[in-house]
Protein backbone atom coordinates (compact mmCIF):
# COMPACT_ATOMS: atom_id res chain seq x y z
CA MET A 1 31.26 -106.45 -5.67
CA SER A 2 29.51 -109.42 -3.82
CA THR A 3 28.76 -112.83 -5.27
CA THR A 4 25.95 -115.01 -4.24
CA ARG A 5 26.93 -118.67 -3.85
CA THR A 6 24.94 -121.73 -3.15
CA SER A 7 26.45 -124.71 -1.34
CA ALA A 8 27.15 -127.81 -3.24
CA SER A 9 24.97 -130.76 -2.47
CA PRO A 10 26.36 -133.00 0.38
CA VAL A 11 27.75 -136.23 -0.72
CA ALA A 12 28.37 -139.60 1.04
CA CYS A 13 31.94 -140.07 2.02
CA PRO A 14 33.78 -143.33 1.71
CA PRO A 15 35.62 -144.45 4.87
CA SER A 16 39.05 -142.58 4.98
CA SER A 17 42.23 -144.59 5.08
CA PRO A 18 45.18 -144.04 7.24
CA THR A 19 47.07 -142.63 4.17
CA ALA A 20 44.42 -140.38 2.75
CA THR A 21 44.63 -136.75 3.19
CA PRO A 22 41.69 -134.91 4.60
CA SER A 23 40.78 -133.43 1.23
CA SER A 24 40.98 -136.66 -0.60
CA SER A 25 39.01 -138.84 1.81
CA CYS A 26 35.90 -136.81 1.43
CA ARG A 27 35.82 -134.74 -1.75
CA PRO A 28 32.49 -134.02 -3.51
CA SER A 29 32.42 -135.48 -7.08
CA PRO A 30 32.89 -132.80 -9.70
CA ALA A 31 29.25 -133.18 -10.77
CA ALA A 32 28.17 -132.29 -7.17
CA ARG A 33 30.17 -128.95 -7.23
CA ALA A 34 28.54 -127.25 -10.27
CA ASP A 35 28.12 -123.99 -8.42
CA VAL A 36 31.38 -123.82 -6.50
CA ALA A 37 33.97 -121.31 -7.57
CA ARG A 38 36.42 -121.55 -4.57
CA TYR A 39 38.35 -124.66 -3.77
CA ASP A 40 40.60 -125.55 -0.81
CA SER A 41 43.62 -126.61 -2.98
CA LEU A 42 44.59 -126.79 -6.68
CA VAL A 43 43.82 -130.51 -6.81
CA ASP A 44 40.30 -129.80 -5.66
CA SER A 45 39.68 -127.76 -8.83
CA VAL A 46 40.15 -130.68 -11.20
CA GLY A 47 37.03 -131.21 -13.28
CA ARG A 48 33.74 -129.26 -13.82
CA THR A 49 35.18 -128.03 -17.35
CA PRO A 50 33.06 -125.96 -19.56
CA LEU A 51 31.01 -127.31 -22.41
CA VAL A 52 30.74 -124.89 -25.32
CA GLY A 53 28.90 -124.97 -28.44
CA LEU A 54 30.65 -124.67 -31.93
CA PRO A 55 28.25 -122.30 -33.89
CA THR A 56 30.56 -122.04 -36.81
CA LEU A 57 31.58 -125.59 -37.34
CA SER A 58 28.26 -127.14 -36.52
CA PRO A 59 26.73 -128.10 -39.96
CA SER A 60 23.04 -127.06 -38.97
CA PRO A 61 20.71 -126.09 -36.14
CA GLU A 62 19.68 -129.74 -36.10
CA VAL A 63 23.15 -131.12 -36.01
CA ARG A 64 25.33 -129.47 -33.37
CA LEU A 65 28.88 -129.84 -32.10
CA TRP A 66 29.76 -129.27 -28.45
CA ALA A 67 33.37 -129.17 -27.16
CA LYS A 68 34.24 -130.37 -23.52
CA LEU A 69 37.00 -128.13 -22.60
CA GLU A 70 39.44 -130.36 -20.59
CA ASP A 71 42.21 -127.98 -21.37
CA ARG A 72 40.79 -125.98 -18.59
CA ASN A 73 41.98 -128.34 -15.89
CA PRO A 74 44.95 -127.25 -13.78
CA THR A 75 47.73 -128.52 -15.96
CA GLY A 76 45.91 -128.01 -19.14
CA SER A 77 44.77 -131.48 -19.84
CA ILE A 78 42.00 -134.17 -19.33
CA LYS A 79 44.74 -136.28 -17.67
CA ASP A 80 44.39 -134.33 -14.37
CA ARG A 81 41.36 -136.39 -13.85
CA ALA A 82 42.92 -139.71 -14.21
CA ALA A 83 46.08 -138.82 -12.36
CA LEU A 84 44.10 -137.60 -9.24
CA ALA A 85 41.98 -140.71 -9.25
CA MET A 86 44.84 -143.22 -9.61
CA ILE A 87 46.81 -141.56 -6.81
CA GLU A 88 43.88 -141.35 -4.47
CA ALA A 89 42.94 -144.89 -5.12
CA ALA A 90 46.43 -146.05 -4.36
CA GLU A 91 46.51 -143.94 -1.24
CA ALA A 92 43.07 -145.55 -0.16
CA ASP A 93 44.42 -149.16 -0.65
CA GLY A 94 47.65 -148.39 1.14
CA ARG A 95 50.03 -148.74 -1.87
CA LEU A 96 51.12 -145.14 -1.61
CA THR A 97 52.43 -143.89 1.66
CA PRO A 98 54.43 -140.74 2.65
CA GLY A 99 57.74 -140.74 0.61
CA SER A 100 56.68 -143.29 -1.97
CA THR A 101 58.05 -143.34 -5.56
CA ILE A 102 55.64 -143.34 -8.37
CA LEU A 103 56.61 -144.75 -11.76
CA GLU A 104 54.67 -144.26 -14.94
CA PRO A 105 55.10 -144.70 -18.67
CA THR A 106 53.64 -141.59 -20.52
CA SER A 107 53.84 -139.56 -23.68
CA GLY A 108 53.55 -136.42 -21.57
CA ASN A 109 50.04 -135.43 -20.36
CA THR A 110 49.54 -138.21 -17.73
CA GLY A 111 53.07 -137.67 -16.41
CA ILE A 112 52.65 -133.85 -16.09
CA SER A 113 49.34 -134.32 -14.39
CA LEU A 114 50.85 -137.00 -11.86
CA ALA A 115 53.78 -134.58 -11.31
CA MET A 116 51.36 -131.87 -10.34
CA VAL A 117 49.53 -134.00 -7.77
CA ALA A 118 52.80 -135.78 -6.60
CA SER A 119 54.25 -132.45 -5.79
CA GLN A 120 51.37 -131.66 -3.52
CA ARG A 121 51.33 -134.99 -1.86
CA GLY A 122 55.06 -135.35 -1.28
CA TYR A 123 55.83 -138.26 -3.69
CA ARG A 124 58.80 -138.86 -5.91
CA LEU A 125 57.71 -139.25 -9.47
CA ILE A 126 59.77 -141.14 -12.22
CA CYS A 127 58.36 -140.94 -15.81
CA VAL A 128 59.32 -143.11 -18.77
CA MET A 129 58.94 -141.01 -21.91
CA PRO A 130 59.81 -141.62 -25.49
CA GLU A 131 62.71 -139.44 -26.41
CA ASN A 132 60.81 -137.51 -29.21
CA THR A 133 58.12 -135.91 -27.11
CA SER A 134 57.73 -132.07 -27.37
CA GLU A 135 60.12 -129.95 -25.31
CA GLU A 136 57.29 -128.23 -23.60
CA ARG A 137 56.14 -131.43 -21.88
CA ARG A 138 59.61 -132.13 -20.65
CA LEU A 139 59.96 -128.71 -19.22
CA LEU A 140 56.63 -128.95 -17.51
CA LEU A 141 57.42 -132.31 -15.96
CA ARG A 142 60.79 -131.02 -14.58
CA MET A 143 59.14 -127.71 -13.38
CA TRP A 144 56.86 -129.99 -11.10
CA GLY A 145 59.86 -132.07 -9.93
CA ALA A 146 59.43 -135.23 -12.00
CA GLU A 147 62.51 -137.34 -13.03
CA ILE A 148 62.51 -138.47 -16.81
CA ILE A 149 63.90 -141.66 -18.16
CA ALA A 150 63.99 -141.59 -22.01
CA SER A 151 62.78 -144.64 -23.94
CA PRO A 152 63.66 -145.28 -27.67
CA ALA A 153 61.72 -143.07 -30.01
CA ALA A 154 61.07 -145.88 -32.53
CA GLY A 155 58.90 -147.79 -30.13
CA GLY A 156 56.75 -144.86 -29.11
CA SER A 157 54.50 -145.14 -26.17
CA ASN A 158 54.48 -149.00 -26.38
CA GLU A 159 58.26 -149.11 -25.87
CA ALA A 160 57.83 -146.62 -22.76
CA VAL A 161 55.37 -149.28 -21.35
CA ARG A 162 57.96 -152.01 -21.81
CA VAL A 163 60.89 -150.01 -20.17
CA ALA A 164 58.64 -148.96 -17.27
CA LYS A 165 57.58 -152.60 -16.61
CA GLY A 166 61.16 -153.64 -16.51
CA LEU A 167 61.95 -150.92 -14.05
CA ALA A 168 59.04 -151.92 -11.86
CA ALA A 169 60.37 -155.47 -11.76
CA GLU A 170 63.75 -154.15 -10.81
CA HIS A 171 62.41 -151.73 -8.10
CA PRO A 172 59.42 -153.66 -6.38
CA ASP A 173 59.07 -150.74 -3.98
CA TRP A 174 58.25 -148.37 -6.71
CA VAL A 175 54.56 -147.90 -7.28
CA MET A 176 53.64 -148.04 -11.06
CA LEU A 177 50.03 -146.69 -11.24
CA TYR A 178 49.86 -147.86 -14.91
CA GLN A 179 47.11 -145.85 -16.54
CA TYR A 180 46.57 -148.35 -19.32
CA GLY A 181 45.12 -151.03 -16.89
CA ASN A 182 44.18 -149.01 -13.78
CA PRO A 183 40.33 -149.12 -13.23
CA ALA A 184 40.65 -145.70 -11.41
CA ASN A 185 41.56 -144.17 -14.92
CA ALA A 186 38.21 -145.09 -16.34
CA GLU A 187 36.41 -144.48 -13.00
CA ALA A 188 37.44 -140.75 -13.04
CA HIS A 189 35.33 -140.28 -16.23
CA TYR A 190 32.51 -142.55 -15.13
CA ARG A 191 32.10 -140.46 -11.94
CA GLY A 192 33.13 -137.01 -13.37
CA THR A 193 33.46 -136.28 -16.90
CA ALA A 194 30.22 -138.28 -18.02
CA PRO A 195 27.83 -136.96 -15.36
CA GLU A 196 29.05 -133.41 -16.17
CA ILE A 197 28.35 -133.88 -19.84
CA HIS A 198 25.02 -135.49 -19.26
CA ALA A 199 24.02 -132.56 -16.75
CA ASP A 200 25.13 -129.88 -19.23
CA LEU A 201 23.85 -131.70 -22.43
CA PRO A 202 20.86 -133.90 -21.43
CA GLU A 203 19.78 -134.05 -25.15
CA ILE A 204 23.21 -135.66 -26.20
CA THR A 205 23.19 -138.23 -28.96
CA HIS A 206 26.84 -138.95 -29.60
CA PHE A 207 30.03 -138.84 -27.58
CA VAL A 208 33.38 -138.77 -29.51
CA GLY A 209 36.72 -139.31 -27.82
CA GLY A 210 40.25 -140.56 -28.65
CA LEU A 211 41.46 -144.19 -28.38
CA GLY A 212 44.52 -143.79 -26.16
CA THR A 213 44.62 -145.44 -22.81
CA THR A 214 40.96 -145.80 -23.50
CA GLY A 215 40.13 -144.56 -20.08
CA THR A 216 38.00 -141.66 -21.27
CA LEU A 217 35.89 -143.66 -23.68
CA MET A 218 35.51 -146.59 -21.23
CA GLY A 219 34.37 -144.43 -18.35
CA VAL A 220 32.05 -142.23 -20.40
CA GLY A 221 30.89 -145.20 -22.46
CA ARG A 222 29.95 -147.30 -19.32
CA TYR A 223 28.14 -144.27 -17.84
CA PHE A 224 25.95 -143.68 -20.75
CA ARG A 225 25.34 -147.49 -21.18
CA GLU A 226 23.86 -147.47 -17.85
CA HIS A 227 21.94 -144.11 -17.89
CA ARG A 228 21.37 -143.35 -21.51
CA PRO A 229 22.00 -146.48 -23.59
CA GLU A 230 20.78 -144.67 -26.83
CA VAL A 231 23.84 -142.37 -26.81
CA ARG A 232 26.34 -143.44 -29.41
CA ILE A 233 29.99 -143.80 -28.33
CA VAL A 234 32.47 -143.01 -31.12
CA ALA A 235 36.12 -143.51 -30.91
CA ALA A 236 38.90 -141.63 -33.06
CA GLU A 237 41.98 -143.69 -33.80
CA PRO A 238 44.98 -143.28 -36.13
CA ARG A 239 45.06 -144.90 -39.36
CA TYR A 240 47.07 -148.24 -39.26
CA GLY A 241 50.70 -147.34 -39.42
CA GLU A 242 50.46 -143.67 -39.01
CA LEU A 243 51.94 -141.77 -36.06
CA VAL A 244 49.33 -140.34 -33.79
CA TYR A 245 50.58 -141.01 -30.36
CA GLY A 246 48.57 -140.84 -27.29
CA LEU A 247 45.99 -142.10 -29.61
CA ARG A 248 46.53 -145.75 -30.91
CA ASN A 249 45.20 -148.10 -33.59
CA LEU A 250 44.37 -151.26 -31.64
CA ALA A 251 45.17 -153.43 -34.60
CA GLU A 252 49.00 -152.56 -34.08
CA GLY A 253 49.44 -155.10 -31.14
CA PHE A 254 48.93 -153.18 -27.96
CA VAL A 255 45.35 -153.22 -26.54
CA PRO A 256 45.11 -151.46 -23.27
CA GLU A 257 43.74 -153.66 -20.48
CA LEU A 258 41.02 -151.19 -19.77
CA TYR A 259 39.48 -151.63 -23.25
CA ASP A 260 36.11 -153.10 -23.66
CA GLU A 261 35.05 -153.03 -27.32
CA SER A 262 31.23 -153.58 -26.23
CA LEU A 263 31.20 -149.85 -25.01
CA ILE A 264 32.24 -148.54 -28.47
CA ASP A 265 29.68 -148.19 -31.20
CA SER A 266 31.82 -147.03 -34.14
CA ARG A 267 35.46 -146.09 -34.82
CA PHE A 268 36.88 -143.42 -37.28
CA SER A 269 40.37 -143.76 -38.59
CA VAL A 270 42.17 -140.34 -38.79
CA GLY A 271 45.62 -139.40 -40.17
CA PRO A 272 48.00 -136.76 -39.09
CA ARG A 273 47.18 -134.37 -41.89
CA ASP A 274 43.58 -134.29 -41.17
CA ALA A 275 44.21 -133.80 -37.41
CA VAL A 276 46.40 -130.77 -38.04
CA ARG A 277 43.92 -129.39 -40.48
CA ARG A 278 41.09 -129.72 -37.93
CA VAL A 279 42.83 -128.34 -35.09
CA ARG A 280 43.72 -125.24 -37.19
CA GLU A 281 40.08 -124.87 -38.08
CA LEU A 282 39.17 -125.04 -34.49
CA VAL A 283 41.30 -122.07 -33.43
CA GLU A 284 40.59 -120.14 -36.61
CA ARG A 285 36.81 -120.48 -36.69
CA GLU A 286 35.87 -121.11 -33.00
CA GLY A 287 38.89 -119.59 -31.13
CA ILE A 288 39.77 -122.79 -29.34
CA PHE A 289 43.44 -123.39 -29.18
CA ALA A 290 43.87 -127.27 -28.72
CA GLY A 291 46.40 -129.75 -28.84
CA ILE A 292 46.67 -131.73 -32.07
CA SER A 293 45.09 -134.93 -30.87
CA THR A 294 42.03 -132.91 -30.48
CA GLY A 295 42.08 -132.37 -34.18
CA ALA A 296 41.74 -136.15 -34.79
CA ILE A 297 38.77 -136.26 -32.37
CA LEU A 298 37.25 -133.31 -34.08
CA HIS A 299 37.66 -134.86 -37.46
CA ALA A 300 35.66 -137.95 -36.28
CA ALA A 301 33.06 -135.66 -34.73
CA LEU A 302 32.61 -133.77 -38.02
CA ALA A 303 32.31 -137.23 -39.80
CA GLN A 304 29.57 -138.24 -37.45
CA ALA A 305 27.74 -134.86 -38.05
CA ALA A 306 27.92 -135.40 -41.81
CA LYS A 307 26.40 -138.80 -41.38
CA SER A 308 23.62 -137.37 -39.32
CA VAL A 309 22.90 -134.64 -41.88
CA THR A 310 22.80 -137.12 -44.70
CA ALA A 311 20.35 -139.31 -42.73
CA GLY A 312 18.19 -136.20 -41.76
CA GLU A 313 18.63 -137.09 -38.04
CA ARG A 314 18.95 -134.66 -35.13
CA ALA A 315 22.31 -134.86 -33.47
CA GLU A 316 23.89 -133.26 -30.31
CA ILE A 317 27.48 -134.45 -30.63
CA CYS A 318 29.83 -133.87 -27.69
CA PHE A 319 33.67 -134.28 -28.25
CA ILE A 320 36.79 -134.05 -25.91
CA VAL A 321 39.16 -131.21 -26.21
CA CYS A 322 41.99 -133.10 -24.52
CA ASP A 323 44.63 -130.45 -23.94
CA GLY A 324 45.82 -127.01 -24.79
CA GLY A 325 47.73 -126.16 -28.04
CA TRP A 326 50.29 -124.23 -26.05
CA LYS A 327 52.13 -127.56 -25.12
CA TYR A 328 53.00 -128.02 -28.73
CA LEU A 329 54.06 -124.76 -30.14
CA SER A 330 57.69 -126.06 -30.52
CA THR A 331 56.33 -128.80 -32.99
CA GLY A 332 55.62 -126.29 -35.79
CA ALA A 333 52.14 -127.64 -36.22
CA TYR A 334 50.49 -124.37 -36.19
CA GLU A 335 52.21 -122.45 -38.77
CA GLY A 336 53.12 -122.81 -42.51
CA THR A 337 51.29 -124.92 -44.99
CA LEU A 338 49.62 -128.22 -44.11
CA ASP A 339 52.42 -130.15 -46.00
CA GLU A 340 55.18 -128.22 -43.97
CA ALA A 341 53.36 -128.91 -40.75
CA GLU A 342 52.99 -132.53 -41.52
CA ASP A 343 56.62 -132.70 -42.42
CA ARG A 344 57.73 -131.21 -39.13
CA LEU A 345 55.49 -133.41 -37.17
CA ASP A 346 56.90 -136.58 -38.80
CA GLY A 347 58.64 -138.59 -36.04
CA GLN A 348 57.30 -136.55 -33.15
CA LEU A 349 54.93 -137.61 -30.29
CA TRP A 350 52.13 -135.09 -30.49
CA ALA A 351 49.29 -136.36 -28.37
């Protein structure tokens, strides 16, 4: 059976650096490869994820929800985009050279994504992770060859950042990409995620993402401010004092350097119980098996949808499915009652 293909549009290539690989020095942006189904390598397949409607959870034909399935990236999460962008930026400016060691604080997904890319580029990767992350994420990191340094559970991802900064000071030859302040993190979404959404959903009225490193919200927010300023940017964040790691409440003391509040129109606070309830609804009613932080984002998207219904306004609401639920099966979040699941999640990092 033959398949007809159309070539992707040509793109301008930046000057290649001495350390850039042939594929990284001139890779079409994901938005330029909409019709491509074959790639030269795994890292070339990052991006161009599906956008699917939610016919059951959408409240009306005039107010519809759309899920951007970032779990379809090679390692199963949106962080593949940022990891690849940060490594390529460091290669381009000469900070990463053959045999370099990368250091990164992470609650899991960014580390996994970096490990996948680093394994293909020949870099050593050391991840600083809170000791209470799910076992699946630790196994995945080791599978791709990463080394793990545990940070105390009590401090969560903030403590992992502190430990990593200390290690960076002790080992100046290590390269800390630092997702919380690396412009390439947001740029990956400005150049990839946002144009993809705009192309697939030109009638979009709202974008909903999670406040974590803030890279997704900043990149997508900046794109729509420039191209469609009427699109509302909505952030989901944990309630003050509640544990939703990978997402963060900015009032608790750590504000990522990437964060620009002018790019956010509204913020919704979500608790762990609502996140678990929504992620179960997503798989039961729409068949999408997502990680639990996606439940928090969906809860905010549904709240925005309810506001649009009440106001009698049409809305096309896009939200991010950050990663796949298979990374969290050991947490017990997907079985038993909500009370039981909430108890099992207490003290775990689940974003």
